[in-house]
């Protein structure tokens, strides 16, 4: 089982009322929610690895991931992941930057950026 899947299982078990059964859903917060292209790319990449993703603009208390944008223009995207586990532990991944000089950032570039962001973030927890 992947570390992300273990994190999700622990998060869902810790937050379920006794006797409840539900599929684990990972909360992913991004500024702009679903309208943010990087969020859609992260959600797609995460969903293929772990299952259902819930996108929000802010992350309330509890387990989940947050993409923190450090720079965003048509030719550059920089940011990192921050997360909180079901046990209250927190972590922050390294900042990665996607920069292009002869075009604007497209969906294929964002998909590769999302995959690299997840790979280098050390999730989890």
PDB file of N, CA and C in Angstrom:
ATOM      1  N   UNK A   1       0.852  -1.170   0.000  1.00  0.00           N
ATOM      2  CA  UNK A   1       0.000   0.000   0.000  1.00  0.00           C
ATOM      3  C   UNK A   1       0.900   1.237   0.000  1.00  0.00           C
ATOM      4  N   UNK A   2       0.566   2.220  -0.827  1.00  0.00           N
ATOM      5  CA  UNK A   2       1.387   3.423  -0.928  1.00  0.00           C
ATOM      6  C   UNK A   2       1.256   4.271   0.329  1.00  0.00           C
ATOM      7  N   UNK A   3       2.253   5.126   0.614  1.00  0.00           N
ATOM      8  CA  UNK A   3       2.147   6.004   1.780  1.00  0.00           C
ATOM      9  C   UNK A   3       0.923   6.907   1.739  1.00  0.00           C
ATOM     10  N   UNK A   4       0.525   7.353   0.545  1.00  0.00           N
ATOM     11  CA  UNK A   4      -0.658   8.208   0.437  1.00  0.00           C
ATOM     12  C   UNK A   4      -1.902   7.412   0.811  1.00  0.00           C
ATOM     13  N   UNK A   5      -1.990   6.174   0.334  1.00  0.00           N
ATOM     14  CA  UNK A   5      -3.150   5.340   0.658  1.00  0.00           C
ATOM     15  C   UNK A   5      -3.214   5.061   2.158  1.00  0.00           C
ATOM     16  N   UNK A   6      -2.074   4.805   2.790  1.00  0.00           N
ATOM     17  CA  UNK A   6      -2.043   4.586   4.238  1.00  0.00           C
ATOM     18  C   UNK A   6      -2.528   5.834   4.963  1.00  0.00           C
ATOM     19  N   UNK A   7      -2.064   7.002   4.524  1.00  0.00           N
ATOM     20  CA  UNK A   7      -2.488   8.272   5.112  1.00  0.00           C
ATOM     21  C   UNK A   7      -3.999   8.428   4.995  1.00  0.00           C
ATOM     22  N   UNK A   8      -4.547   8.136   3.817  1.00  0.00           N
ATOM     23  CA  UNK A   8      -5.982   8.270   3.605  1.00  0.00           C
ATOM     24  C   UNK A   8      -6.778   7.310   4.468  1.00  0.00           C
ATOM     25  N   UNK A   9      -6.323   6.072   4.570  1.00  0.00           N
ATOM     26  CA  UNK A   9      -7.036   5.098   5.403  1.00  0.00           C
ATOM     27  C   UNK A   9      -7.044   5.545   6.856  1.00  0.00           C
ATOM     28  N   UNK A  10      -5.908   5.980   7.359  1.00  0.00           N
ATOM     29  CA  UNK A  10      -5.838   6.450   8.743  1.00  0.00           C
ATOM     30  C   UNK A  10      -6.718   7.676   8.935  1.00  0.00           C
ATOM     31  N   UNK A  11      -6.706   8.570   7.961  1.00  0.00           N
ATOM     32  CA  UNK A  11      -7.521   9.782   8.067  1.00  0.00           C
ATOM     33  C   UNK A  11      -8.996   9.450   8.073  1.00  0.00           C
ATOM     34  N   UNK A  12      -9.418   8.529   7.226  1.00  0.00           N
ATOM     35  CA  UNK A  12     -10.842   8.214   7.165  1.00  0.00           C
ATOM     36  C   UNK A  12     -11.295   7.452   8.397  1.00  0.00           C
ATOM     37  N   UNK A  13     -10.488   6.557   8.908  1.00  0.00           N
ATOM     38  CA  UNK A  13     -10.848   5.806  10.108  1.00  0.00           C
ATOM     39  C   UNK A  13     -10.944   6.739  11.306  1.00  0.00           C
ATOM     40  N   UNK A  14      -9.999   7.662  11.413  1.00  0.00           N
ATOM     41  CA  UNK A  14      -9.966   8.564  12.565  1.00  0.00           C
ATOM     42  C   UNK A  14     -11.137   9.539  12.574  1.00  0.00           C
ATOM     43  N   UNK A  15     -11.719   9.828  11.420  1.00  0.00           N
ATOM     44  CA  UNK A  15     -12.772  10.838  11.367  1.00  0.00           C
ATOM     45  C   UNK A  15     -14.177  10.256  11.231  1.00  0.00           C
ATOM     46  N   UNK A  16     -14.303   8.936  11.129  1.00  0.00           N
ATOM     47  CA  UNK A  16     -15.621   8.330  10.985  1.00  0.00           C
ATOM     48  C   UNK A  16     -16.289   8.132  12.338  1.00  0.00           C
ATOM     49  N   UNK A  17     -17.600   8.409  12.428  1.00  0.00           N
ATOM     50  CA  UNK A  17     -18.310   8.059  13.645  1.00  0.00           C
ATOM     51  C   UNK A  17     -18.348   6.538  13.768  1.00  0.00           C
ATOM     52  N   UNK A  18     -18.470   6.014  14.978  1.00  0.00           N
ATOM     53  CA  UNK A  18     -18.458   4.572  15.135  1.00  0.00           C
ATOM     54  C   UNK A  18     -19.605   3.959  14.352  1.00  0.00           C
ATOM     55  N   UNK A  19     -19.307   2.860  13.659  1.00  0.00           N
ATOM     56  CA  UNK A  19     -20.302   2.166  12.864  1.00  0.00           C
ATOM     57  C   UNK A  19     -20.461   2.717  11.461  1.00  0.00           C
ATOM     58  N   UNK A  20     -19.908   3.874  11.147  1.00  0.00           N
ATOM     59  CA  UNK A  20     -20.053   4.454   9.807  1.00  0.00           C
ATOM     60  C   UNK A  20     -19.069   3.807   8.855  1.00  0.00           C
ATOM     61  N   UNK A  21     -19.455   3.712   7.615  1.00  0.00           N
ATOM     62  CA  UNK A  21     -18.575   3.196   6.588  1.00  0.00           C
ATOM     63  C   UNK A  21     -18.598   4.159   5.412  1.00  0.00           C
ATOM     64  N   UNK A  22     -17.421   4.554   4.957  1.00  0.00           N
ATOM     65  CA  UNK A  22     -17.333   5.485   3.840  1.00  0.00           C
ATOM     66  C   UNK A  22     -16.002   5.297   3.140  1.00  0.00           C
ATOM     67  N   UNK A  23     -15.983   5.531   1.840  1.00  0.00           N
ATOM     68  CA  UNK A  23     -14.724   5.493   1.106  1.00  0.00           C
ATOM     69  C   UNK A  23     -13.896   6.699   1.519  1.00  0.00           C
ATOM     70  N   UNK A  24     -12.592   6.501   1.614  1.00  0.00           N
ATOM     71  CA  UNK A  24     -11.707   7.601   1.987  1.00  0.00           C
ATOM     72  C   UNK A  24     -11.687   8.631   0.873  1.00  0.00           C
ATOM     73  N   UNK A  25     -11.851   9.882   1.240  1.00  0.00           N
ATOM     74  CA  UNK A  25     -11.752  10.976   0.288  1.00  0.00           C
ATOM     75  C   UNK A  25     -10.696  11.926   0.800  1.00  0.00           C
ATOM     76  N   UNK A  26      -9.760  12.248  -0.040  1.00  0.00           N
ATOM     77  CA  UNK A  26      -8.708  13.173   0.329  1.00  0.00           C
ATOM     78  C   UNK A  26      -9.166  14.587   0.034  1.00  0.00           C
ATOM     79  N   UNK A  27      -9.002  15.478   0.993  1.00  0.00           N
ATOM     80  CA  UNK A  27      -9.339  16.885   0.780  1.00  0.00           C
ATOM     81  C   UNK A  27      -8.100  17.591   0.235  1.00  0.00           C
ATOM     82  N   UNK A  28      -8.305  18.319  -0.841  1.00  0.00           N
ATOM     83  CA  UNK A  28      -7.244  19.094  -1.476  1.00  0.00           C
ATOM     84  C   UNK A  28      -7.715  20.530  -1.583  1.00  0.00           C
ATOM     85  N   UNK A  29      -7.001  21.425  -0.939  1.00  0.00           N
ATOM     86  CA  UNK A  29      -7.365  22.844  -0.973  1.00  0.00           C
ATOM     87  C   UNK A  29      -6.413  23.599  -1.888  1.00  0.00           C
ATOM     88  N   UNK A  30      -6.992  24.432  -2.738  1.00  0.00           N
ATOM     89  CA  UNK A  30      -6.224  25.296  -3.626  1.00  0.00           C
ATOM     90  C   UNK A  30      -6.923  26.634  -3.712  1.00  0.00           C
ATOM     91  N   UNK A  31      -6.136  27.683  -3.805  1.00  0.00           N
ATOM     92  CA  UNK A  31      -6.715  28.991  -4.063  1.00  0.00           C
ATOM     93  C   UNK A  31      -7.424  28.915  -5.407  1.00  0.00           C
ATOM     94  N   UNK A  32      -8.670  29.302  -5.448  1.00  0.00           N
ATOM     95  CA  UNK A  32      -9.429  29.230  -6.689  1.00  0.00           C
ATOM     96  C   UNK A  32     -10.180  27.922  -6.873  1.00  0.00           C
ATOM     97  N   UNK A  33      -9.952  26.941  -6.000  1.00  0.00           N
ATOM     98  CA  UNK A  33     -10.668  25.667  -6.085  1.00  0.00           C
ATOM     99  C   UNK A  33     -10.534  25.012  -7.444  1.00  0.00           C
ATOM    100  N   UNK A  34     -11.633  24.472  -7.952  1.00  0.00           N
ATOM    101  CA  UNK A  34     -11.623  23.769  -9.234  1.00  0.00           C
ATOM    102  C   UNK A  34     -11.243  24.654 -10.402  1.00  0.00           C
ATOM    103  N   UNK A  35     -11.409  25.961 -10.265  1.00  0.00           N
ATOM    104  CA  UNK A  35     -11.079  26.842 -11.383  1.00  0.00           C
ATOM    105  C   UNK A  35      -9.571  26.999 -11.563  1.00  0.00           C
ATOM    106  N   UNK A  36      -8.784  26.608 -10.576  1.00  0.00           N
ATOM    107  CA  UNK A  36      -7.330  26.703 -10.688  1.00  0.00           C
ATOM    108  C   UNK A  36      -6.803  25.499 -11.474  1.00  0.00           C
ATOM    109  N   UNK A  37      -6.200  25.718 -12.642  1.00  0.00           N
ATOM    110  CA  UNK A  37      -5.711  24.600 -13.455  1.00  0.00           C
ATOM    111  C   UNK A  37      -4.755  23.679 -12.706  1.00  0.00           C
ATOM    112  N   UNK A  38      -3.909  24.232 -11.843  1.00  0.00           N
ATOM    113  CA  UNK A  38      -2.985  23.374 -11.101  1.00  0.00           C
ATOM    114  C   UNK A  38      -3.750  22.469 -10.149  1.00  0.00           C
ATOM    115  N   UNK A  39      -4.859  22.943  -9.613  1.00  0.00           N
ATOM    116  CA  UNK A  39      -5.677  22.126  -8.725  1.00  0.00           C
ATOM    117  C   UNK A  39      -6.300  20.964  -9.485  1.00  0.00           C
ATOM    118  N   UNK A  40      -6.798  21.221 -10.672  1.00  0.00           N
ATOM    119  CA  UNK A  40      -7.378  20.145 -11.471  1.00  0.00           C
ATOM    120  C   UNK A  40      -6.314  19.088 -11.782  1.00  0.00           C
ATOM    121  N   UNK A  41      -5.101  19.538 -12.111  1.00  0.00           N
ATOM    122  CA  UNK A  41      -4.016  18.605 -12.415  1.00  0.00           C
ATOM    123  C   UNK A  41      -3.632  17.789 -11.176  1.00  0.00           C
ATOM    124  N   UNK A  42      -3.533  18.451 -10.025  1.00  0.00           N
ATOM    125  CA  UNK A  42      -3.219  17.733  -8.787  1.00  0.00           C
ATOM    126  C   UNK A  42      -4.323  16.740  -8.434  1.00  0.00           C
ATOM    127  N   UNK A  43      -5.576  17.164  -8.561  1.00  0.00           N
ATOM    128  CA  UNK A  43      -6.696  16.287  -8.235  1.00  0.00           C
ATOM    129  C   UNK A  43      -6.713  15.057  -9.140  1.00  0.00           C
ATOM    130  N   UNK A  44      -6.458  15.244 -10.425  1.00  0.00           N
ATOM    131  CA  UNK A  44      -6.430  14.129 -11.364  1.00  0.00           C
ATOM    132  C   UNK A  44      -5.304  13.163 -11.017  1.00  0.00           C
ATOM    133  N   UNK A  45      -4.120  13.701 -10.736  1.00  0.00           N
ATOM    134  CA  UNK A  45      -2.974  12.867 -10.395  1.00  0.00           C
ATOM    135  C   UNK A  45      -3.217  12.112  -9.093  1.00  0.00           C
ATOM    136  N   UNK A  46      -3.725  12.801  -8.089  1.00  0.00           N
ATOM    137  CA  UNK A  46      -4.021  12.157  -6.806  1.00  0.00           C
ATOM    138  C   UNK A  46      -5.116  11.106  -6.945  1.00  0.00           C
ATOM    139  N   UNK A  47      -6.176  11.432  -7.673  1.00  0.00           N
ATOM    140  CA  UNK A  47      -7.299  10.505  -7.827  1.00  0.00           C
ATOM    141  C   UNK A  47      -6.858   9.204  -8.483  1.00  0.00           C
ATOM    142  N   UNK A  48      -5.951   9.295  -9.456  1.00  0.00           N
ATOM    143  CA  UNK A  48      -5.486   8.073 -10.110  1.00  0.00           C
ATOM    144  C   UNK A  48      -4.646   7.222  -9.169  1.00  0.00           C
ATOM    145  N   UNK A  49      -4.040   7.850  -8.156  1.00  0.00           N
ATOM    146  CA  UNK A  49      -3.208   7.113  -7.213  1.00  0.00           C
ATOM    147  C   UNK A  49      -3.977   6.606  -5.996  1.00  0.00           C
ATOM    148  N   UNK A  50      -4.960   7.388  -5.518  1.00  0.00           N
ATOM    149  CA  UNK A  50      -5.584   7.046  -4.234  1.00  0.00           C
ATOM    150  C   UNK A  50      -7.097   6.998  -4.220  1.00  0.00           C
ATOM    151  N   UNK A  51      -7.758   7.479  -5.237  1.00  0.00           N
ATOM    152  CA  UNK A  51      -9.216   7.461  -5.225  1.00  0.00           C
ATOM    153  C   UNK A  51      -9.812   8.850  -5.156  1.00  0.00           C
ATOM    154  N   UNK A  52     -11.037   8.949  -4.634  1.00  0.00           N
ATOM    155  CA  UNK A  52     -11.784  10.212  -4.670  1.00  0.00           C
ATOM    156  C   UNK A  52     -11.054  11.387  -4.004  1.00  0.00           C
ATOM    157  N   UNK A  53     -11.186  12.547  -4.636  1.00  0.00           N
ATOM    158  CA  UNK A  53     -10.585  13.784  -4.147  1.00  0.00           C
ATOM    159  C   UNK A  53     -11.702  14.807  -3.974  1.00  0.00           C
ATOM    160  N   UNK A  54     -11.664  15.527  -2.877  1.00  0.00           N
ATOM    161  CA  UNK A  54     -12.599  16.623  -2.646  1.00  0.00           C
ATOM    162  C   UNK A  54     -11.806  17.915  -2.734  1.00  0.00           C
ATOM    163  N   UNK A  55     -12.149  18.780  -3.704  1.00  0.00           N
ATOM    164  CA  UNK A  55     -11.462  20.053  -3.867  1.00  0.00           C
ATOM    165  C   UNK A  55     -12.184  21.144  -3.094  1.00  0.00           C
ATOM    166  N   UNK A  56     -11.421  21.951  -2.372  1.00  0.00           N
ATOM    167  CA  UNK A  56     -11.979  23.076  -1.637  1.00  0.00           C
ATOM    168  C   UNK A  56     -11.060  24.276  -1.814  1.00  0.00           C
ATOM    169  N   UNK A  57     -11.558  25.450  -1.449  1.00  0.00           N
ATOM    170  CA  UNK A  57     -10.703  26.641  -1.505  1.00  0.00           C
ATOM    171  C   UNK A  57      -9.904  26.804  -0.224  1.00  0.00           C
ATOM    172  N   UNK A  58     -10.432  26.304   0.875  1.00  0.00           N
ATOM    173  CA  UNK A  58      -9.704  26.362   2.147  1.00  0.00           C
ATOM    174  C   UNK A  58      -9.800  24.994   2.807  1.00  0.00           C
ATOM    175  N   UNK A  59      -8.856  24.696   3.648  1.00  0.00           N
ATOM    176  CA  UNK A  59      -8.823  23.421   4.335  1.00  0.00           C
ATOM    177  C   UNK A  59      -9.171  23.651   5.793  1.00  0.00           C
ATOM    178  N   UNK A  60     -10.338  23.177   6.190  1.00  0.00           N
ATOM    179  CA  UNK A  60     -10.750  23.290   7.584  1.00  0.00           C
ATOM    180  C   UNK A  60      -9.918  22.305   8.410  1.00  0.00           C
ATOM    181  N   UNK A  61     -10.181  22.268   9.680  1.00  0.00           N
ATOM    182  CA  UNK A  61      -9.469  21.349  10.560  1.00  0.00           C
ATOM    183  C   UNK A  61      -9.635  19.919  10.065  1.00  0.00           C
ATOM    184  N   UNK A  62      -8.627  19.141  10.248  1.00  0.00           N
ATOM    185  CA  UNK A  62      -8.685  17.744   9.854  1.00  0.00           C
ATOM    186  C   UNK A  62      -7.655  17.428   8.794  1.00  0.00           C
ATOM    187  N   UNK A  63      -7.576  16.160   8.408  1.00  0.00           N
ATOM    188  CA  UNK A  63      -6.555  15.739   7.455  1.00  0.00           C
ATOM    189  C   UNK A  63      -6.816  16.264   6.049  1.00  0.00           C
ATOM    190  N   UNK A  64      -5.743  16.514   5.334  1.00  0.00           N
ATOM    191  CA  UNK A  64      -5.855  16.952   3.950  1.00  0.00           C
ATOM    192  C   UNK A  64      -4.580  17.575   3.444  1.00  0.00           C
ATOM    193  N   UNK A  65      -4.617  17.962   2.179  1.00  0.00           N
ATOM    194  CA  UNK A  65      -3.488  18.594   1.496  1.00  0.00           C
ATOM    195  C   UNK A  65      -3.884  19.988   1.056  1.00  0.00           C
ATOM    196  N   UNK A  66      -2.883  20.835   0.944  1.00  0.00           N
ATOM    197  CA  UNK A  66      -3.120  22.195   0.455  1.00  0.00           C
ATOM    198  C   UNK A  66      -1.978  22.556  -0.489  1.00  0.00           C
ATOM    199  N   UNK A  67      -2.330  23.057  -1.682  1.00  0.00           N
ATOM    200  CA  UNK A  67      -1.307  23.571  -2.580  1.00  0.00           C
ATOM    201  C   UNK A  67      -1.131  25.043  -2.270  1.00  0.00           C
ATOM    202  N   UNK A  68       0.099  25.417  -1.943  1.00  0.00           N
ATOM    203  CA  UNK A  68       0.419  26.800  -1.601  1.00  0.00           C
ATOM    204  C   UNK A  68       1.125  27.428  -2.798  1.00  0.00           C
ATOM    205  N   UNK A  69       0.462  28.388  -3.432  1.00  0.00           N
ATOM    206  CA  UNK A  69       1.018  29.067  -4.596  1.00  0.00           C
ATOM    207  C   UNK A  69       1.999  30.138  -4.136  1.00  0.00           C
ATOM    208  N   UNK A  70       3.199  30.094  -4.675  1.00  0.00           N
ATOM    209  CA  UNK A  70       4.203  31.104  -4.350  1.00  0.00           C
ATOM    210  C   UNK A  70       4.369  32.111  -5.487  1.00  0.00           C
ATOM    211  N   UNK A  71       4.168  31.665  -6.712  1.00  0.00           N
ATOM    212  CA  UNK A  71       4.202  32.557  -7.884  1.00  0.00           C
ATOM    213  C   UNK A  71       3.318  31.946  -8.956  1.00  0.00           C
ATOM    214  N   UNK A  72       2.577  32.802  -9.639  1.00  0.00           N
ATOM    215  CA  UNK A  72       1.727  32.300 -10.714  1.00  0.00           C
ATOM    216  C   UNK A  72       1.522  33.380 -11.765  1.00  0.00           C
ATOM    217  N   UNK A  73       2.033  33.084 -12.949  1.00  0.00           N
ATOM    218  CA  UNK A  73       1.838  33.916 -14.133  1.00  0.00           C
ATOM    219  C   UNK A  73       1.619  32.959 -15.294  1.00  0.00           C
ATOM    220  N   UNK A  74       1.277  33.453 -16.462  1.00  0.00           N
ATOM    221  CA  UNK A  74       1.077  32.546 -17.600  1.00  0.00           C
ATOM    222  C   UNK A  74       2.322  31.717 -17.953  1.00  0.00           C
ATOM    223  N   UNK A  75       3.521  32.218 -17.587  1.00  0.00           N
ATOM    224  CA  UNK A  75       4.752  31.515 -17.945  1.00  0.00           C
ATOM    225  C   UNK A  75       5.498  30.922 -16.752  1.00  0.00           C
ATOM    226  N   UNK A  76       4.937  31.024 -15.549  1.00  0.00           N
ATOM    227  CA  UNK A  76       5.612  30.478 -14.371  1.00  0.00           C
ATOM    228  C   UNK A  76       4.596  30.056 -13.314  1.00  0.00           C
ATOM    229  N   UNK A  77       4.897  28.944 -12.669  1.00  0.00           N
ATOM    230  CA  UNK A  77       4.108  28.476 -11.539  1.00  0.00           C
ATOM    231  C   UNK A  77       5.077  27.924 -10.513  1.00  0.00           C
ATOM    232  N   UNK A  78       4.940  28.385  -9.304  1.00  0.00           N
ATOM    233  CA  UNK A  78       5.802  27.943  -8.227  1.00  0.00           C
ATOM    234  C   UNK A  78       4.950  27.716  -6.991  1.00  0.00           C
ATOM    235  N   UNK A  79       5.210  26.616  -6.290  1.00  0.00           N
ATOM    236  CA  UNK A  79       4.453  26.353  -5.076  1.00  0.00           C
ATOM    237  C   UNK A  79       4.879  25.053  -4.426  1.00  0.00           C
ATOM    238  N   UNK A  80       4.232  24.747  -3.316  1.00  0.00           N
ATOM    239  CA  UNK A  80       4.530  23.523  -2.579  1.00  0.00           C
ATOM    240  C   UNK A  80       3.260  22.954  -1.954  1.00  0.00           C
ATOM    241  N   UNK A  81       3.332  21.721  -1.497  1.00  0.00           N
ATOM    242  CA  UNK A  81       2.238  21.090  -0.788  1.00  0.00           C
ATOM    243  C   UNK A  81       2.471  21.187   0.713  1.00  0.00           C
ATOM    244  N   UNK A  82       1.408  21.421   1.434  1.00  0.00           N
ATOM    245  CA  UNK A  82       1.419  21.363   2.893  1.00  0.00           C
ATOM    246  C   UNK A  82       0.302  20.408   3.281  1.00  0.00           C
ATOM    247  N   UNK A  83       0.470  19.646   4.341  1.00  0.00           N
ATOM    248  CA  UNK A  83      -0.540  18.671   4.709  1.00  0.00           C
ATOM    249  C   UNK A  83      -0.679  18.544   6.210  1.00  0.00           C
ATOM    250  N   UNK A  84      -1.819  17.972   6.582  1.00  0.00           N
ATOM    251  CA  UNK A  84      -2.083  17.657   7.982  1.00  0.00           C
ATOM    252  C   UNK A  84      -2.649  16.251   8.030  1.00  0.00           C
ATOM    253  N   UNK A  85      -2.105  15.437   8.923  1.00  0.00           N
ATOM    254  CA  UNK A  85      -2.570  14.068   9.085  1.00  0.00           C
ATOM    255  C   UNK A  85      -3.716  13.986  10.074  1.00  0.00           C
ATOM    256  N   UNK A  86      -4.342  12.830  10.138  1.00  0.00           N
ATOM    257  CA  UNK A  86      -5.458  12.603  11.055  1.00  0.00           C
ATOM    258  C   UNK A  86      -5.026  12.771  12.508  1.00  0.00           C
ATOM    259  N   UNK A  87      -3.755  12.528  12.774  1.00  0.00           N
ATOM    260  CA  UNK A  87      -3.250  12.646  14.142  1.00  0.00           C
ATOM    261  C   UNK A  87      -2.785  14.062  14.481  1.00  0.00           C
ATOM    262  N   UNK A  88      -2.989  15.010  13.571  1.00  0.00           N
ATOM    263  CA  UNK A  88      -2.596  16.397  13.802  1.00  0.00           C
ATOM    264  C   UNK A  88      -1.193  16.729  13.325  1.00  0.00           C
ATOM    265  N   UNK A  89      -0.440  15.709  12.894  1.00  0.00           N
ATOM    266  CA  UNK A  89       0.908  15.978  12.388  1.00  0.00           C
ATOM    267  C   UNK A  89       0.816  16.817  11.122  1.00  0.00           C
ATOM    268  N   UNK A  90       1.845  17.621  10.889  1.00  0.00           N
ATOM    269  CA  UNK A  90       1.866  18.516   9.730  1.00  0.00           C
ATOM    270  C   UNK A  90       3.179  18.349   8.975  1.00  0.00           C
ATOM    271  N   UNK A  91       3.125  18.683   7.706  1.00  0.00           N
ATOM    272  CA  UNK A  91       4.324  18.621   6.893  1.00  0.00           C
ATOM    273  C   UNK A  91       4.243  19.601   5.739  1.00  0.00           C
ATOM    274  N   UNK A  92       5.386  19.895   5.175  1.00  0.00           N
ATOM    275  CA  UNK A  92       5.483  20.784   4.026  1.00  0.00           C
ATOM    276  C   UNK A  92       6.505  20.210   3.063  1.00  0.00           C
ATOM    277  N   UNK A  93       6.138  20.141   1.814  1.00  0.00           N
ATOM    278  CA  UNK A  93       7.053  19.664   0.793  1.00  0.00           C
ATOM    279  C   UNK A  93       7.901  20.802   0.241  1.00  0.00           C
ATOM    280  N   UNK A  94       8.862  20.466  -0.596  1.00  0.00           N
ATOM    281  CA  UNK A  94       9.719  21.493  -1.188  1.00  0.00           C
ATOM    282  C   UNK A  94       8.984  22.315  -2.232  1.00  0.00           C
ATOM    283  N   UNK A  95       9.453  23.513  -2.452  1.00  0.00           N
ATOM    284  CA  UNK A  95       8.902  24.360  -3.507  1.00  0.00           C
ATOM    285  C   UNK A  95       9.436  23.883  -4.847  1.00  0.00           C
ATOM    286  N   UNK A  96       8.523  23.698  -5.796  1.00  0.00           N
ATOM    287  CA  UNK A  96       8.898  23.380  -7.169  1.00  0.00           C
ATOM    288  C   UNK A  96       8.433  24.510  -8.069  1.00  0.00           C
ATOM    289  N   UNK A  97       9.166  24.729  -9.145  1.00  0.00           N
ATOM    290  CA  UNK A  97       8.838  25.797 -10.080  1.00  0.00           C
ATOM    291  C   UNK A  97       8.759  25.249 -11.486  1.00  0.00           C
ATOM    292  N   UNK A  98       7.716  25.641 -12.181  1.00  0.00           N
ATOM    293  CA  UNK A  98       7.543  25.335 -13.600  1.00  0.00           C
ATOM    294  C   UNK A  98       7.653  26.662 -14.335  1.00  0.00           C
ATOM    295  N   UNK A  99       8.608  26.740 -15.247  1.00  0.00           N
ATOM    296  CA  UNK A  99       8.840  27.986 -15.969  1.00  0.00           C
ATOM    297  C   UNK A  99       9.026  27.688 -17.446  1.00  0.00           C
ATOM    298  N   UNK A 100       8.382  28.475 -18.289  1.00  0.00           N
ATOM    299  CA  UNK A 100       8.538  28.344 -19.735  1.00  0.00           C
ATOM    300  C   UNK A 100       8.906  29.709 -20.306  1.00  0.00           C
ATOM    301  N   UNK A 101       9.619  29.696 -21.419  1.00  0.00           N
ATOM    302  CA  UNK A 101      10.042  30.979 -21.975  1.00  0.00           C
ATOM    303  C   UNK A 101       9.448  31.273 -23.345  1.00  0.00           C
ATOM    304  N   UNK A 102       8.991  30.260 -24.049  1.00  0.00           N
ATOM    305  CA  UNK A 102       8.533  30.483 -25.409  1.00  0.00           C
ATOM    306  C   UNK A 102       7.043  30.203 -25.617  1.00  0.00           C
ATOM    307  N   UNK A 103       6.321  30.006 -24.537  1.00  0.00           N
ATOM    308  CA  UNK A 103       4.898  29.689 -24.614  1.00  0.00           C
ATOM    309  C   UNK A 103       4.272  29.958 -23.248  1.00  0.00           C
ATOM    310  N   UNK A 104       3.024  29.577 -23.085  1.00  0.00           N
ATOM    311  CA  UNK A 104       2.392  29.657 -21.770  1.00  0.00           C
ATOM    312  C   UNK A 104       2.219  28.236 -21.239  1.00  0.00           C
ATOM    313  N   UNK A 105       2.053  28.115 -19.955  1.00  0.00           N
ATOM    314  CA  UNK A 105       1.899  26.809 -19.313  1.00  0.00           C
ATOM    315  C   UNK A 105       0.570  26.195 -19.762  1.00  0.00           C
ATOM    316  N   UNK A 106       0.638  24.930 -20.210  1.00  0.00           N
ATOM    317  CA  UNK A 106      -0.576  24.248 -20.669  1.00  0.00           C
ATOM    318  C   UNK A 106      -0.913  23.070 -19.744  1.00  0.00           C
ATOM    319  N   UNK A 107      -2.014  22.388 -20.050  1.00  0.00           N
ATOM    320  CA  UNK A 107      -2.486  21.296 -19.197  1.00  0.00           C
ATOM    321  C   UNK A 107      -1.493  20.143 -19.100  1.00  0.00           C
ATOM    322  N   UNK A 108      -0.831  19.812 -20.182  1.00  0.00           N
ATOM    323  CA  UNK A 108       0.149  18.720 -20.157  1.00  0.00           C
ATOM    324  C   UNK A 108       1.323  19.066 -19.239  1.00  0.00           C
ATOM    325  N   UNK A 109       1.760  20.317 -19.288  1.00  0.00           N
ATOM    326  CA  UNK A 109       2.839  20.758 -18.398  1.00  0.00           C
ATOM    327  C   UNK A 109       2.396  20.707 -16.943  1.00  0.00           C
ATOM    328  N   UNK A 110       1.155  21.125 -16.690  1.00  0.00           N
ATOM    329  CA  UNK A 110       0.616  21.093 -15.327  1.00  0.00           C
ATOM    330  C   UNK A 110       0.502  19.669 -14.801  1.00  0.00           C
ATOM    331  N   UNK A 111       0.144  18.728 -15.664  1.00  0.00           N
ATOM    332  CA  UNK A 111       0.050  17.331 -15.249  1.00  0.00           C
ATOM    333  C   UNK A 111       1.421  16.800 -14.825  1.00  0.00           C
ATOM    334  N   UNK A 112       2.456  17.137 -15.589  1.00  0.00           N
ATOM    335  CA  UNK A 112       3.814  16.711 -15.218  1.00  0.00           C
ATOM    336  C   UNK A 112       4.265  17.404 -13.940  1.00  0.00           C
ATOM    337  N   UNK A 113       3.936  18.693 -13.797  1.00  0.00           N
ATOM    338  CA  UNK A 113       4.271  19.444 -12.588  1.00  0.00           C
ATOM    339  C   UNK A 113       3.604  18.799 -11.372  1.00  0.00           C
ATOM    340  N   UNK A 114       2.330  18.440 -11.500  1.00  0.00           N
ATOM    341  CA  UNK A 114       1.597  17.818 -10.390  1.00  0.00           C
ATOM    342  C   UNK A 114       2.239  16.491  -9.996  1.00  0.00           C
ATOM    343  N   UNK A 115       2.602  15.685 -10.979  1.00  0.00           N
ATOM    344  CA  UNK A 115       3.234  14.393 -10.687  1.00  0.00           C
ATOM    345  C   UNK A 115       4.568  14.586  -9.967  1.00  0.00           C
ATOM    346  N   UNK A 116       5.359  15.544 -10.420  1.00  0.00           N
ATOM    347  CA  UNK A 116       6.648  15.815  -9.777  1.00  0.00           C
ATOM    348  C   UNK A 116       6.468  16.403  -8.374  1.00  0.00           C
ATOM    349  N   UNK A 117       5.472  17.255  -8.224  1.00  0.00           N
ATOM    350  CA  UNK A 117       5.180  17.836  -6.914  1.00  0.00           C
ATOM    351  C   UNK A 117       4.859  16.729  -5.909  1.00  0.00           C
ATOM    352  N   UNK A 118       4.024  15.794  -6.303  1.00  0.00           N
ATOM    353  CA  UNK A 118       3.678  14.687  -5.419  1.00  0.00           C
ATOM    354  C   UNK A 118       4.877  13.787  -5.155  1.00  0.00           C
ATOM    355  N   UNK A 119       5.654  13.535  -6.178  1.00  0.00           N
ATOM    356  CA  UNK A 119       6.822  12.659  -6.034  1.00  0.00           C
ATOM    357  C   UNK A 119       7.852  13.240  -5.074  1.00  0.00           C
ATOM    358  N   UNK A 120       8.072  14.548  -5.128  1.00  0.00           N
ATOM    359  CA  UNK A 120       9.118  15.176  -4.312  1.00  0.00           C
ATOM    360  C   UNK A 120       8.629  15.651  -2.947  1.00  0.00           C
ATOM    361  N   UNK A 121       7.337  15.630  -2.704  1.00  0.00           N
ATOM    362  CA  UNK A 121       6.808  16.183  -1.461  1.00  0.00           C
ATOM    363  C   UNK A 121       6.999  15.302  -0.242  1.00  0.00           C
ATOM    364  N   UNK A 122       7.284  14.043  -0.437  1.00  0.00           N
ATOM    365  CA  UNK A 122       7.500  13.170   0.701  1.00  0.00           C
ATOM    366  C   UNK A 122       6.232  12.826   1.455  1.00  0.00           C
ATOM    367  N   UNK A 123       5.108  12.783   0.763  1.00  0.00           N
ATOM    368  CA  UNK A 123       3.838  12.392   1.391  1.00  0.00           C
ATOM    369  C   UNK A 123       3.887  10.949   1.788  1.00  0.00           C
ATOM    370  N   UNK A 124       3.024  10.784   2.790  1.00  0.00           N
ATOM    371  CA  UNK A 124       3.165  11.318   4.113  1.00  0.00           C
ATOM    372  C   UNK A 124       4.062  10.486   4.931  1.00  0.00           C
ATOM    373  N   UNK A 125       3.478  11.040   5.722  1.00  0.00           N
ATOM    374  CA  UNK A 125       3.185  11.457   7.068  1.00  0.00           C
ATOM    375  C   UNK A 125       3.166  10.273   7.927  1.00  0.00           C
TER     376      UNK A 125
END
